[in-house]
C-alpha atoms as a PDB file:
ATOM      1  CA  MET A   1       0.000   0.000   0.000  1.00  0.00           C
ATOM      2  CA  ALA A   2       2.813   2.393   0.879  1.00  0.00           C
ATOM      3  CA  ILE A   3       4.269   1.957  -2.604  1.00  0.00           C
ATOM      4  CA  LEU A   4       1.026   1.838  -4.561  1.00  0.00           C
ATOM      5  CA  LEU A   5      -0.561   4.926  -2.998  1.00  0.00           C
ATOM      6  CA  PRO A   6       2.002   7.354  -4.459  1.00  0.00           C
ATOM      7  CA  VAL A   7       1.828   5.504  -7.783  1.00  0.00           C
ATOM      8  CA  ALA A   8      -1.957   5.944  -7.843  1.00  0.00           C
ATOM      9  CA  LEU A   9      -1.515   9.662  -7.220  1.00  0.00           C
ATOM     10  CA  LEU A  10       1.276  10.199  -9.750  1.00  0.00           C
ATOM     11  CA  VAL A  11       0.238   8.058 -12.719  1.00  0.00           C
ATOM     12  CA  ASP A  12      -1.363   9.958 -15.600  1.00  0.00           C
ATOM     13  CA  VAL A  13      -4.985   8.742 -15.552  1.00  0.00           C
ATOM     14  CA  ASN A  14      -8.377  10.401 -15.573  1.00  0.00           C
ATOM     15  CA  PRO A  15     -10.177  11.077 -12.258  1.00  0.00           C
ATOM     16  CA  ALA A  16     -12.456   8.042 -12.549  1.00  0.00           C
ATOM     17  CA  GLU A  17      -9.491   5.709 -13.070  1.00  0.00           C
ATOM     18  CA  ARG A  18      -7.597   7.331 -10.190  1.00  0.00           C
ATOM     19  CA  ALA A  19     -10.656   6.799  -7.988  1.00  0.00           C
ATOM     20  CA  LEU A  20     -10.755   3.114  -8.968  1.00  0.00           C
ATOM     21  CA  LEU A  21      -7.075   2.699  -8.132  1.00  0.00           C
ATOM     22  CA  LEU A  22      -7.505   4.349  -4.730  1.00  0.00           C
ATOM     23  CA  LEU A  23     -10.764   2.553  -3.954  1.00  0.00           C
ATOM     24  CA  SER A  24      -9.263  -0.832  -4.782  1.00  0.00           C
ATOM     25  CA  LEU A  25      -6.436  -0.157  -2.315  1.00  0.00           C
ATOM     26  CA  THR A  26      -8.884   1.004   0.340  1.00  0.00           C
ATOM     27  CA  LEU A  27     -11.070  -2.053  -0.182  1.00  0.00           C
ATOM     28  CA  VAL A  28      -8.095  -4.338   0.447  1.00  0.00           C
ATOM     29  CA  LEU A  29      -7.481  -2.617   3.781  1.00  0.00           C
ATOM     30  CA  ILE A  30     -11.155  -2.761   4.761  1.00  0.00           C
ATOM     31  CA  VAL A  31     -11.454  -6.483   4.045  1.00  0.00           C
ATOM     32  CA  GLU A  32      -8.171  -7.174   5.858  1.00  0.00           C
ATOM     33  CA  LEU A  33      -9.531  -5.355   8.924  1.00  0.00           C
ATOM     34  CA  LEU A  34     -12.781  -7.337   8.789  1.00  0.00           C
ATOM     35  CA  ASN A  35     -10.854 -10.593   8.440  1.00  0.00           C
ATOM     36  CA  THR A  36      -8.709  -9.684  11.437  1.00  0.00           C
ATOM     37  CA  GLY A  37     -11.876  -8.944  13.402  1.00  0.00           C
ATOM     38  CA  ILE A  38     -13.359 -12.329  12.502  1.00  0.00           C
ATOM     39  CA  GLU A  39     -10.174 -14.141  13.479  1.00  0.00           C
ATOM     40  CA  THR A  40      -9.927 -12.232  16.753  1.00  0.00           C
ATOM     41  CA  VAL A  41     -13.502 -13.062  17.737  1.00  0.00           C
ATOM     42  CA  VAL A  42     -13.067 -16.723  16.837  1.00  0.00           C
ATOM     43  CA  ASP A  43      -9.835 -16.915  18.854  1.00  0.00           C
ATOM     44  CA  ARG A  44     -11.486 -15.099  21.775  1.00  0.00           C
ATOM     45  CA  LEU A  45     -14.258 -17.672  21.933  1.00  0.00           C
ATOM     46  CA  GLY A  46     -11.807 -20.504  22.412  1.00  0.00           C
ATOM     47  CA  GLU A  47      -8.661 -22.121  21.105  1.00  0.00           C
ATOM     48  CA  GLU A  48     -10.225 -25.578  20.775  1.00  0.00           C
ATOM     49  CA  PHE A  49     -11.048 -26.731  17.271  1.00  0.00           C
ATOM     50  CA  HIS A  50     -14.574 -26.223  16.014  1.00  0.00           C
ATOM     51  CA  GLU A  51     -15.695 -26.762  12.437  1.00  0.00           C
ATOM     52  CA  LEU A  52     -17.573 -23.454  12.264  1.00  0.00           C
ATOM     53  CA  SER A  53     -14.596 -21.528  13.644  1.00  0.00           C
ATOM     54  CA  GLY A  54     -12.401 -22.940  10.911  1.00  0.00           C
ATOM     55  CA  LYS A  55     -15.023 -22.154   8.299  1.00  0.00           C
ATOM     56  CA  ALA A  56     -15.339 -18.535   9.494  1.00  0.00           C
ATOM     57  CA  LYS A  57     -11.576 -18.061   9.272  1.00  0.00           C
ATOM     58  CA  ASP A  58     -11.433 -19.714   5.838  1.00  0.00           C
ATOM     59  CA  LEU A  59     -14.216 -17.501   4.490  1.00  0.00           C
ATOM     60  CA  GLY A  60     -12.501 -14.380   5.828  1.00  0.00           C
ATOM     61  CA  SER A  61      -9.283 -15.406   4.121  1.00  0.00           C
ATOM     62  CA  ALA A  62     -11.168 -16.159   0.910  1.00  0.00           C
ATOM     63  CA  ALA A  63     -12.657 -12.658   0.993  1.00  0.00           C
ATOM     64  CA  VAL A  64      -9.166 -11.185   1.305  1.00  0.00           C
ATOM     65  CA  LEU A  65      -7.962 -13.282  -1.629  1.00  0.00           C
ATOM     66  CA  LEU A  66     -10.877 -12.196  -3.814  1.00  0.00           C
ATOM     67  CA  VAL A  67     -10.373  -8.515  -3.084  1.00  0.00           C
ATOM     68  CA  LEU A  68      -6.630  -8.835  -3.741  1.00  0.00           C
ATOM     69  CA  LEU A  69      -7.327 -10.491  -7.098  1.00  0.00           C
ATOM     70  CA  THR A  70      -9.854  -7.784  -7.929  1.00  0.00           C
ATOM     71  CA  ALA A  71      -7.466  -4.999  -6.986  1.00  0.00           C
ATOM     72  CA  THR A  72      -4.727  -6.620  -9.063  1.00  0.00           C
ATOM     73  CA  ALA A  73      -7.053  -6.795 -12.061  1.00  0.00           C
ATOM     74  CA  VAL A  74      -8.017  -3.125 -11.668  1.00  0.00           C
ATOM     75  CA  TRP A  75      -4.375  -2.066 -11.488  1.00  0.00           C
ATOM     76  CA  LEU A  76      -3.360  -4.257 -14.444  1.00  0.00           C
ATOM     77  CA  LEU A  77      -6.161  -2.828 -16.563  1.00  0.00           C
ATOM     78  CA  ILE A  78      -5.526   0.821 -15.735  1.00  0.00           C
ATOM     79  CA  VAL A  79      -1.824   1.397 -15.080  1.00  0.00           C
ATOM     80  CA  PRO A  80      -0.243  -0.259 -18.130  1.00  0.00           C
ATOM     81  CA  ALA A  81      -2.709   1.517 -20.417  1.00  0.00           C
ATOM     82  CA  SER A  82      -1.660   4.858 -18.935  1.00  0.00           C
ATOM     83  CA  LEU A  83       2.020   4.210 -19.595  1.00  0.00           C
ATOM     84  CA  PHE A  84       1.683   3.966 -23.383  1.00  0.00           C
END
């Protein structure tokens, strides 16, 4: 994020594309925070294994993966096109 934020601000794109770049970065942070919250609550409830606890953690991680893939796609569609 620390590297991509300045890139999003400096790359020559229109305002809508810049907004997409910044929003995709923000969405990654939001989903990471939610995933951390889920994991913290599950760990708070108990360290013993429970199928639903594992499922909650897996789904949180899957959400992070999906948003990372989406953000990557947004960046790959916008940034290279602005360089040429």
